[in-house]
Protein backbone atom coordinates (compact mmCIF):
# COMPACT_ATOMS: atom_id res chain seq x y z
CA UNK A 1 0.00 0.00 0.00
CA UNK A 2 2.75 2.46 0.98
CA UNK A 3 4.68 1.96 -2.25
CA UNK A 4 1.64 2.65 -4.46
CA UNK A 5 0.70 5.77 -2.46
CA UNK A 6 4.24 7.18 -2.74
CA UNK A 7 4.21 6.47 -6.48
CA UNK A 8 0.89 8.33 -6.81
CA UNK A 9 2.35 11.22 -4.82
CA UNK A 10 5.29 11.43 -7.23
CA UNK A 11 2.84 11.48 -10.15
CA UNK A 12 0.88 14.33 -8.55
CA UNK A 13 4.10 16.31 -7.94
CA UNK A 14 5.17 15.70 -11.54
CA UNK A 15 1.78 16.89 -12.86
CA UNK A 16 1.96 20.03 -10.71
CA UNK A 17 5.52 20.67 -11.94
CA UNK A 18 4.42 20.21 -15.57
CA UNK A 19 1.49 22.60 -15.11
CA UNK A 20 3.73 25.28 -13.58
CA UNK A 21 6.33 24.76 -16.31
CA UNK A 22 3.76 25.12 -19.10
CA UNK A 23 2.26 28.22 -17.46
CA UNK A 24 5.71 29.86 -17.34
CA UNK A 25 6.47 28.92 -20.96
CA UNK A 26 3.05 30.14 -22.12
CA UNK A 27 3.35 33.50 -20.35
CA UNK A 28 6.89 33.93 -21.71
CA UNK A 29 5.66 33.14 -25.25
CA UNK A 30 2.81 35.65 -24.84
CA UNK A 31 5.29 38.35 -23.77
CA UNK A 32 7.43 37.71 -26.85
CA UNK A 33 4.38 38.02 -29.14
CA UNK A 34 3.30 41.26 -27.43
CA UNK A 35 6.79 42.74 -27.76
CA UNK A 36 6.90 41.82 -31.46
CA UNK A 37 3.53 43.50 -32.08
CA UNK A 38 4.76 46.61 -30.24
CA UNK A 39 7.91 46.62 -32.40
CA UNK A 40 5.76 46.42 -35.54
CA UNK A 41 3.43 49.27 -34.54
CA UNK A 42 6.15 51.71 -33.39
PDB file of N, CA and C in Angstrom:
ATOM      1  N   UNK A   1       0.838  -1.206   0.000  1.00  0.00           N
ATOM      2  CA  UNK A   1       0.000   0.000   0.000  1.00  0.00           C
ATOM      3  C   UNK A   1       0.875   1.259   0.000  1.00  0.00           C
ATOM      4  N   UNK A   2       1.913   1.256   0.851  1.00  0.00           N
ATOM      5  CA  UNK A   2       2.746   2.461   0.976  1.00  0.00           C
ATOM      6  C   UNK A   2       3.448   2.785  -0.346  1.00  0.00           C
ATOM      7  N   UNK A   3       3.937   1.732  -1.011  1.00  0.00           N
ATOM      8  CA  UNK A   3       4.679   1.961  -2.254  1.00  0.00           C
ATOM      9  C   UNK A   3       3.774   2.614  -3.303  1.00  0.00           C
ATOM     10  N   UNK A   4       2.550   2.105  -3.442  1.00  0.00           N
ATOM     11  CA  UNK A   4       1.641   2.653  -4.455  1.00  0.00           C
ATOM     12  C   UNK A   4       1.282   4.103  -4.121  1.00  0.00           C
ATOM     13  N   UNK A   5       1.076   4.400  -2.839  1.00  0.00           N
ATOM     14  CA  UNK A   5       0.698   5.770  -2.457  1.00  0.00           C
ATOM     15  C   UNK A   5       1.856   6.731  -2.747  1.00  0.00           C
ATOM     16  N   UNK A   6       3.090   6.301  -2.479  1.00  0.00           N
ATOM     17  CA  UNK A   6       4.238   7.176  -2.742  1.00  0.00           C
ATOM     18  C   UNK A   6       4.396   7.389  -4.247  1.00  0.00           C
ATOM     19  N   UNK A   7       4.117   6.350  -5.023  1.00  0.00           N
ATOM     20  CA  UNK A   7       4.205   6.474  -6.481  1.00  0.00           C
ATOM     21  C   UNK A   7       3.161   7.476  -6.971  1.00  0.00           C
ATOM     22  N   UNK A   8       1.952   7.390  -6.423  1.00  0.00           N
ATOM     23  CA  UNK A   8       0.892   8.326  -6.808  1.00  0.00           C
ATOM     24  C   UNK A   8       1.294   9.747  -6.428  1.00  0.00           C
ATOM     25  N   UNK A   9       1.917   9.894  -5.269  1.00  0.00           N
ATOM     26  CA  UNK A   9       2.347  11.221  -4.815  1.00  0.00           C
ATOM     27  C   UNK A   9       3.354  11.804  -5.808  1.00  0.00           C
ATOM     28  N   UNK A  10       4.286  10.969  -6.253  1.00  0.00           N
ATOM     29  CA  UNK A  10       5.285  11.429  -7.226  1.00  0.00           C
ATOM     30  C   UNK A  10       4.593  11.880  -8.507  1.00  0.00           C
ATOM     31  N   UNK A  11       3.581  11.122  -8.936  1.00  0.00           N
ATOM     32  CA  UNK A  11       2.842  11.476 -10.152  1.00  0.00           C
ATOM     33  C   UNK A  11       2.170  12.838  -9.983  1.00  0.00           C
ATOM     34  N   UNK A  12       1.562  13.057  -8.819  1.00  0.00           N
ATOM     35  CA  UNK A  12       0.883  14.332  -8.555  1.00  0.00           C
ATOM     36  C   UNK A  12       1.899  15.473  -8.593  1.00  0.00           C
ATOM     37  N   UNK A  13       3.058  15.273  -7.948  1.00  0.00           N
ATOM     38  CA  UNK A  13       4.096  16.307  -7.938  1.00  0.00           C
ATOM     39  C   UNK A  13       4.563  16.599  -9.363  1.00  0.00           C
ATOM     40  N   UNK A  14       4.715  15.538 -10.156  1.00  0.00           N
ATOM     41  CA  UNK A  14       5.167  15.703 -11.543  1.00  0.00           C
ATOM     42  C   UNK A  14       4.133  16.491 -12.346  1.00  0.00           C
ATOM     43  N   UNK A  15       2.848  16.166 -12.149  1.00  0.00           N
ATOM     44  CA  UNK A  15       1.779  16.885 -12.858  1.00  0.00           C
ATOM     45  C   UNK A  15       1.783  18.356 -12.470  1.00  0.00           C
ATOM     46  N   UNK A  16       1.937  18.640 -11.181  1.00  0.00           N
ATOM     47  CA  UNK A  16       1.963  20.029 -10.712  1.00  0.00           C
ATOM     48  C   UNK A  16       3.166  20.755 -11.322  1.00  0.00           C
ATOM     49  N   UNK A  17       4.310  20.081 -11.356  1.00  0.00           N
ATOM     50  CA  UNK A  17       5.516  20.673 -11.942  1.00  0.00           C
ATOM     51  C   UNK A  17       5.296  20.977 -13.426  1.00  0.00           C
ATOM     52  N   UNK A  18       4.688  20.017 -14.150  1.00  0.00           N
ATOM     53  CA  UNK A  18       4.420  20.214 -15.574  1.00  0.00           C
ATOM     54  C   UNK A  18       3.498  21.406 -15.790  1.00  0.00           C
ATOM     55  N   UNK A  19       2.458  21.495 -14.961  1.00  0.00           N
ATOM     56  CA  UNK A  19       1.493  22.595 -15.108  1.00  0.00           C
ATOM     57  C   UNK A  19       2.200  23.935 -14.907  1.00  0.00           C
ATOM     58  N   UNK A  20       3.004  24.030 -13.849  1.00  0.00           N
ATOM     59  CA  UNK A  20       3.731  25.281 -13.579  1.00  0.00           C
ATOM     60  C   UNK A  20       4.677  25.600 -14.731  1.00  0.00           C
ATOM     61  N   UNK A  21       5.376  24.574 -15.220  1.00  0.00           N
ATOM     62  CA  UNK A  21       6.334  24.762 -16.312  1.00  0.00           C
ATOM     63  C   UNK A  21       5.630  25.300 -17.557  1.00  0.00           C
ATOM     64  N   UNK A  22       4.483  24.683 -17.909  1.00  0.00           N
ATOM     65  CA  UNK A  22       3.757  25.121 -19.102  1.00  0.00           C
ATOM     66  C   UNK A  22       3.201  26.527 -18.925  1.00  0.00           C
ATOM     67  N   UNK A  23       2.768  26.862 -17.699  1.00  0.00           N
ATOM     68  CA  UNK A  23       2.260  28.218 -17.456  1.00  0.00           C
ATOM     69  C   UNK A  23       3.367  29.240 -17.676  1.00  0.00           C
ATOM     70  N   UNK A  24       4.579  28.934 -17.178  1.00  0.00           N
ATOM     71  CA  UNK A  24       5.710  29.856 -17.339  1.00  0.00           C
ATOM     72  C   UNK A  24       6.054  30.007 -18.823  1.00  0.00           C
ATOM     73  N   UNK A  25       6.125  28.877 -19.532  1.00  0.00           N
ATOM     74  CA  UNK A  25       6.468  28.918 -20.959  1.00  0.00           C
ATOM     75  C   UNK A  25       5.410  29.701 -21.734  1.00  0.00           C
ATOM     76  N   UNK A  26       4.136  29.465 -21.407  1.00  0.00           N
ATOM     77  CA  UNK A  26       3.050  30.138 -22.120  1.00  0.00           C
ATOM     78  C   UNK A  26       3.094  31.647 -21.894  1.00  0.00           C
ATOM     79  N   UNK A  27       3.297  32.061 -20.646  1.00  0.00           N
ATOM     80  CA  UNK A  27       3.345  33.501 -20.350  1.00  0.00           C
ATOM     81  C   UNK A  27       4.557  34.134 -21.042  1.00  0.00           C
ATOM     82  N   UNK A  28       5.684  33.417 -21.047  1.00  0.00           N
ATOM     83  CA  UNK A  28       6.891  33.927 -21.706  1.00  0.00           C
ATOM     84  C   UNK A  28       6.641  34.112 -23.202  1.00  0.00           C
ATOM     85  N   UNK A  29       5.978  33.110 -23.827  1.00  0.00           N
ATOM     86  CA  UNK A  29       5.662  33.143 -25.253  1.00  0.00           C
ATOM     87  C   UNK A  29       4.718  34.299 -25.556  1.00  0.00           C
ATOM     88  N   UNK A  30       3.741  34.527 -24.675  1.00  0.00           N
ATOM     89  CA  UNK A  30       2.809  35.652 -24.840  1.00  0.00           C
ATOM     90  C   UNK A  30       3.564  36.977 -24.807  1.00  0.00           C
ATOM     91  N   UNK A  31       4.498  37.116 -23.873  1.00  0.00           N
ATOM     92  CA  UNK A  31       5.288  38.350 -23.767  1.00  0.00           C
ATOM     93  C   UNK A  31       6.059  38.604 -25.056  1.00  0.00           C
ATOM     94  N   UNK A  32       6.653  37.555 -25.615  1.00  0.00           N
ATOM     95  CA  UNK A  32       7.427  37.708 -26.853  1.00  0.00           C
ATOM     96  C   UNK A  32       6.518  38.203 -27.973  1.00  0.00           C
ATOM     97  N   UNK A  33       5.321  37.612 -28.087  1.00  0.00           N
ATOM     98  CA  UNK A  33       4.381  38.020 -29.137  1.00  0.00           C
ATOM     99  C   UNK A  33       3.984  39.481 -28.947  1.00  0.00           C
ATOM    100  N   UNK A  34       3.698  39.872 -27.709  1.00  0.00           N
ATOM    101  CA  UNK A  34       3.296  41.260 -27.429  1.00  0.00           C
ATOM    102  C   UNK A  34       4.428  42.217 -27.811  1.00  0.00           C
ATOM    103  N   UNK A  35       5.652  41.866 -27.437  1.00  0.00           N
ATOM    104  CA  UNK A  35       6.787  42.742 -27.758  1.00  0.00           C
ATOM    105  C   UNK A  35       6.975  42.859 -29.270  1.00  0.00           C
ATOM    106  N   UNK A  36       6.757  41.767 -29.998  1.00  0.00           N
ATOM    107  CA  UNK A  36       6.900  41.816 -31.457  1.00  0.00           C
ATOM    108  C   UNK A  36       5.837  42.723 -32.061  1.00  0.00           C
ATOM    109  N   UNK A  37       4.611  42.631 -31.555  1.00  0.00           N
ATOM    110  CA  UNK A  37       3.533  43.496 -32.078  1.00  0.00           C
ATOM    111  C   UNK A  37       3.866  44.957 -31.787  1.00  0.00           C
ATOM    112  N   UNK A  38       4.393  45.235 -30.598  1.00  0.00           N
ATOM    113  CA  UNK A  38       4.764  46.609 -30.235  1.00  0.00           C
ATOM    114  C   UNK A  38       5.866  47.101 -31.174  1.00  0.00           C
ATOM    115  N   UNK A  39       6.829  46.241 -31.479  1.00  0.00           N
ATOM    116  CA  UNK A  39       7.910  46.625 -32.399  1.00  0.00           C
ATOM    117  C   UNK A  39       7.341  46.948 -33.779  1.00  0.00           C
ATOM    118  N   UNK A  40       6.343  46.183 -34.223  1.00  0.00           N
ATOM    119  CA  UNK A  40       5.760  46.420 -35.542  1.00  0.00           C
ATOM    120  C   UNK A  40       5.005  47.745 -35.585  1.00  0.00           C
ATOM    121  N   UNK A  41       4.268  48.058 -34.524  1.00  0.00           N
ATOM    122  CA  UNK A  41       3.429  49.266 -34.537  1.00  0.00           C
ATOM    123  C   UNK A  41       4.269  50.529 -34.402  1.00  0.00           C
ATOM    124  N   UNK A  42       5.342  50.498 -33.611  1.00  0.00           N
ATOM    125  CA  UNK A  42       6.146  51.706 -33.393  1.00  0.00           C
ATOM    126  C   UNK A  42       7.394  51.721 -34.259  1.00  0.00           C
TER     127      UNK A  42
END
